[in-house]
C-alpha atoms as a PDB file:
ATOM      1  CA  UNK A   1       0.224  -0.133   0.248  1.00  0.00           C
ATOM      2  CA  UNK A   2       1.470   3.104  -1.205  1.00  0.00           C
ATOM      3  CA  UNK A   3       1.957   5.785   1.730  1.00  0.00           C
ATOM      4  CA  UNK A   4       2.125   8.620  -1.049  1.00  0.00           C
ATOM      5  CA  UNK A   5      -0.067  11.153  -1.681  1.00  0.00           C
ATOM      6  CA  UNK A   6      -1.695  12.299  -4.845  1.00  0.00           C
ATOM      7  CA  UNK A   7      -3.135  15.482  -4.846  1.00  0.00           C
ATOM      8  CA  UNK A   8      -5.626  17.038  -6.816  1.00  0.00           C
ATOM      9  CA  UNK A   9      -7.416  20.495  -5.810  1.00  0.00           C
ATOM     10  CA  UNK A  10     -10.746  20.758  -6.412  1.00  0.00           C
ATOM     11  CA  UNK A  11      -9.624  24.375  -6.843  1.00  0.00           C
ATOM     12  CA  UNK A  12      -8.125  23.929  -9.762  1.00  0.00           C
ATOM     13  CA  UNK A  13      -8.728  22.753 -13.319  1.00  0.00           C
ATOM     14  CA  UNK A  14      -8.054  19.557 -13.533  1.00  0.00           C
ATOM     15  CA  UNK A  15      -5.111  17.863 -15.025  1.00  0.00           C
ATOM     16  CA  UNK A  16      -4.789  18.365 -19.058  1.00  0.00           C
ATOM     17  CA  UNK A  17      -3.435  14.363 -19.183  1.00  0.00           C
ATOM     18  CA  UNK A  18      -2.676  11.613 -16.691  1.00  0.00           C
ATOM     19  CA  UNK A  19      -0.648  13.248 -13.874  1.00  0.00           C
ATOM     20  CA  UNK A  20      -1.894  14.647 -10.809  1.00  0.00           C
ATOM     21  CA  UNK A  21      -0.987  18.065  -9.837  1.00  0.00           C
ATOM     22  CA  UNK A  22       1.372  17.794  -6.623  1.00  0.00           C
ATOM     23  CA  UNK A  23       2.437  14.044  -4.504  1.00  0.00           C
ATOM     24  CA  UNK A  24       3.315  14.285  -1.040  1.00  0.00           C
ATOM     25  CA  UNK A  25       5.998  11.706   0.151  1.00  0.00           C
ATOM     26  CA  UNK A  26       5.884  11.611   3.752  1.00  0.00           C
ATOM     27  CA  UNK A  27       8.943  12.315   5.717  1.00  0.00           C
ATOM     28  CA  UNK A  28      11.891   9.894   6.207  1.00  0.00           C
ATOM     29  CA  UNK A  29      10.917   8.193   2.817  1.00  0.00           C
ATOM     30  CA  UNK A  30      13.705   6.830   0.625  1.00  0.00           C
ATOM     31  CA  UNK A  31      14.122   9.541  -2.193  1.00  0.00           C
ATOM     32  CA  UNK A  32      15.670   8.432  -5.956  1.00  0.00           C
ATOM     33  CA  UNK A  33      16.611  10.549  -8.544  1.00  0.00           C
ATOM     34  CA  UNK A  34      16.974   9.220 -11.969  1.00  0.00           C
ATOM     35  CA  UNK A  35      19.191  11.519 -14.679  1.00  0.00           C
ATOM     36  CA  UNK A  36      17.348  12.402 -17.676  1.00  0.00           C
ATOM     37  CA  UNK A  37      17.020   9.097 -20.206  1.00  0.00           C
ATOM     38  CA  UNK A  38      17.362   9.406 -23.744  1.00  0.00           C
ATOM     39  CA  UNK A  39      16.432   7.689 -26.414  1.00  0.00           C
ATOM     40  CA  UNK A  40      19.469   4.977 -26.769  1.00  0.00           C
ATOM     41  CA  UNK A  41      19.873   1.241 -26.100  1.00  0.00           C
ATOM     42  CA  UNK A  42      22.537  -0.101 -24.272  1.00  0.00           C
ATOM     43  CA  UNK A  43      24.092  -1.019 -27.914  1.00  0.00           C
ATOM     44  CA  UNK A  44      23.995   2.690 -28.845  1.00  0.00           C
ATOM     45  CA  UNK A  45      21.188   2.770 -30.892  1.00  0.00           C
ATOM     46  CA  UNK A  46      18.684   5.379 -31.218  1.00  0.00           C
ATOM     47  CA  UNK A  47      14.792   4.729 -33.174  1.00  0.00           C
ATOM     48  CA  UNK A  48      13.721   7.000 -35.733  1.00  0.00           C
ATOM     49  CA  UNK A  49      10.536   7.234 -34.450  1.00  0.00           C
ATOM     50  CA  UNK A  50       9.745   9.347 -30.748  1.00  0.00           C
ATOM     51  CA  UNK A  51       7.982   6.523 -29.445  1.00  0.00           C
ATOM     52  CA  UNK A  52      10.726   4.088 -29.746  1.00  0.00           C
ATOM     53  CA  UNK A  53      12.650   6.414 -28.185  1.00  0.00           C
ATOM     54  CA  UNK A  54      10.325   6.826 -25.435  1.00  0.00           C
ATOM     55  CA  UNK A  55      10.203   3.178 -24.641  1.00  0.00           C
ATOM     56  CA  UNK A  56      13.640   3.758 -23.880  1.00  0.00           C
ATOM     57  CA  UNK A  57      14.095   6.322 -21.997  1.00  0.00           C
ATOM     58  CA  UNK A  58      11.407   4.161 -19.298  1.00  0.00           C
ATOM     59  CA  UNK A  59      13.150   0.822 -19.767  1.00  0.00           C
ATOM     60  CA  UNK A  60      16.781   2.763 -18.323  1.00  0.00           C
ATOM     61  CA  UNK A  61      14.285   4.390 -15.848  1.00  0.00           C
ATOM     62  CA  UNK A  62      12.429   1.267 -14.732  1.00  0.00           C
ATOM     63  CA  UNK A  63      16.498   0.023 -14.474  1.00  0.00           C
ATOM     64  CA  UNK A  64      17.297   2.995 -12.510  1.00  0.00           C
ATOM     65  CA  UNK A  65      13.824   2.026 -10.428  1.00  0.00           C
ATOM     66  CA  UNK A  66      15.225  -1.832 -10.074  1.00  0.00           C
ATOM     67  CA  UNK A  67      18.552  -1.466  -9.341  1.00  0.00           C
ATOM     68  CA  UNK A  68      17.044   0.783  -5.992  1.00  0.00           C
ATOM     69  CA  UNK A  69      14.377  -1.793  -5.216  1.00  0.00           C
ATOM     70  CA  UNK A  70      11.923   0.310  -6.382  1.00  0.00           C
ATOM     71  CA  UNK A  71       9.521   0.478  -9.262  1.00  0.00           C
ATOM     72  CA  UNK A  72       6.984   2.824 -11.398  1.00  0.00           C
ATOM     73  CA  UNK A  73       4.772   2.689  -8.685  1.00  0.00           C
ATOM     74  CA  UNK A  74       7.439   4.715  -6.177  1.00  0.00           C
ATOM     75  CA  UNK A  75       7.377   7.154  -9.079  1.00  0.00           C
ATOM     76  CA  UNK A  76       6.131  10.715  -7.897  1.00  0.00           C
ATOM     77  CA  UNK A  77       7.541  12.770 -10.403  1.00  0.00           C
ATOM     78  CA  UNK A  78       8.737  12.819 -14.165  1.00  0.00           C
ATOM     79  CA  UNK A  79      10.151  15.397 -16.020  1.00  0.00           C
ATOM     80  CA  UNK A  80       9.875  14.932 -20.325  1.00  0.00           C
ATOM     81  CA  UNK A  81      11.373  16.619 -22.846  1.00  0.00           C
ATOM     82  CA  UNK A  82      10.169  16.355 -26.801  1.00  0.00           C
ATOM     83  CA  UNK A  83      11.742  18.303 -29.261  1.00  0.00           C
ATOM     84  CA  UNK A  84       8.874  18.829 -31.876  1.00  0.00           C
ATOM     85  CA  UNK A  85       5.049  18.592 -30.588  1.00  0.00           C
ATOM     86  CA  UNK A  86       4.352  15.395 -33.158  1.00  0.00           C
ATOM     87  CA  UNK A  87       6.386  14.396 -30.312  1.00  0.00           C
ATOM     88  CA  UNK A  88       3.601  14.228 -27.823  1.00  0.00           C
ATOM     89  CA  UNK A  89       1.141  12.061 -28.658  1.00  0.00           C
ATOM     90  CA  UNK A  90       3.372   8.994 -28.598  1.00  0.00           C
ATOM     91  CA  UNK A  91       5.929  10.025 -25.741  1.00  0.00           C
ATOM     92  CA  UNK A  92       2.166  10.385 -23.459  1.00  0.00           C
ATOM     93  CA  UNK A  93       1.210   6.802 -24.656  1.00  0.00           C
ATOM     94  CA  UNK A  94       4.025   5.181 -23.881  1.00  0.00           C
ATOM     95  CA  UNK A  95       4.666   7.253 -20.552  1.00  0.00           C
ATOM     96  CA  UNK A  96       0.796   5.943 -19.462  1.00  0.00           C
ATOM     97  CA  UNK A  97       1.722   1.920 -20.204  1.00  0.00           C
ATOM     98  CA  UNK A  98       4.491   2.712 -17.855  1.00  0.00           C
ATOM     99  CA  UNK A  99       3.479   4.673 -14.939  1.00  0.00           C
ATOM    100  CA  UNK A 100       1.093   3.373 -12.047  1.00  0.00           C
ATOM    101  CA  UNK A 101      -2.330   4.691 -10.925  1.00  0.00           C
ATOM    102  CA  UNK A 102      -2.573   6.879  -9.859  1.00  0.00           C
ATOM    103  CA  UNK A 103      -0.167   8.624 -11.131  1.00  0.00           C
ATOM    104  CA  UNK A 104       2.902  11.307 -10.514  1.00  0.00           C
ATOM    105  CA  UNK A 105       3.039  14.882 -11.005  1.00  0.00           C
ATOM    106  CA  UNK A 106       4.752  15.393 -14.357  1.00  0.00           C
ATOM    107  CA  UNK A 107       6.134  18.516 -16.726  1.00  0.00           C
ATOM    108  CA  UNK A 108       6.285  17.935 -20.644  1.00  0.00           C
ATOM    109  CA  UNK A 109       8.238  20.484 -22.481  1.00  0.00           C
ATOM    110  CA  UNK A 110       8.916  20.976 -26.256  1.00  0.00           C
ATOM    111  CA  UNK A 111      12.750  22.031 -26.493  1.00  0.00           C
ATOM    112  CA  UNK A 112      14.653  23.089 -29.279  1.00  0.00           C
ATOM    113  CA  UNK A 113      17.165  19.899 -29.410  1.00  0.00           C
ATOM    114  CA  UNK A 114      19.285  17.612 -27.379  1.00  0.00           C
ATOM    115  CA  UNK A 115      23.162  16.818 -27.440  1.00  0.00           C
ATOM    116  CA  UNK A 116      22.778  14.624 -30.688  1.00  0.00           C
ATOM    117  CA  UNK A 117      19.499  15.767 -33.567  1.00  0.00           C
ATOM    118  CA  UNK A 118      18.724  12.043 -33.887  1.00  0.00           C
ATOM    119  CA  UNK A 119      17.090  12.597 -30.333  1.00  0.00           C
ATOM    120  CA  UNK A 120      13.520  13.477 -29.387  1.00  0.00           C
ATOM    121  CA  UNK A 121      12.566  12.777 -26.564  1.00  0.00           C
ATOM    122  CA  UNK A 122      14.043  12.629 -22.934  1.00  0.00           C
ATOM    123  CA  UNK A 123      12.747  11.721 -19.424  1.00  0.00           C
ATOM    124  CA  UNK A 124      13.813  12.608 -15.958  1.00  0.00           C
ATOM    125  CA  UNK A 125      11.700  10.598 -12.996  1.00  0.00           C
ATOM    126  CA  UNK A 126      11.726  11.060  -8.906  1.00  0.00           C
ATOM    127  CA  UNK A 127      10.634   7.749  -6.798  1.00  0.00           C
ATOM    128  CA  UNK A 128      10.117   7.865  -3.227  1.00  0.00           C
ATOM    129  CA  UNK A 129       9.391   4.596  -1.075  1.00  0.00           C
ATOM    130  CA  UNK A 130       9.485   4.138   2.579  1.00  0.00           C
ATOM    131  CA  UNK A 131      10.250   0.240   1.667  1.00  0.00           C
ATOM    132  CA  UNK A 132      13.545  -0.199   3.045  1.00  0.00           C
ATOM    133  CA  UNK A 133      15.961  -2.021   0.794  1.00  0.00           C
END
């Protein structure tokens, strides 16, 4: 049972997509901050499609979570970046397959680019749990 509290204040507009406006983490929780993960495989392959890149981003985050003894249910915040408005829907479809309910707080931004022009998606995550590893 999660001790995270997902907040959707009734005084503000409901979320545009599958995310919570805020997530409260209790005192004493273990935190994991994942660096931005790009759509690149362990063998340095960069798929053309934004959706395939988003899958690689979330798989990398999943590996970080597993290494810390956590899961996608422990994510409290996601920051995501895409290089074109056209990449938003494919990214969001992938995100919705990976994130647990209730969903974490989330921000999605359109940026001008990343370190290599082939990259279309980057995702970073923050997770927290009161479970001892």
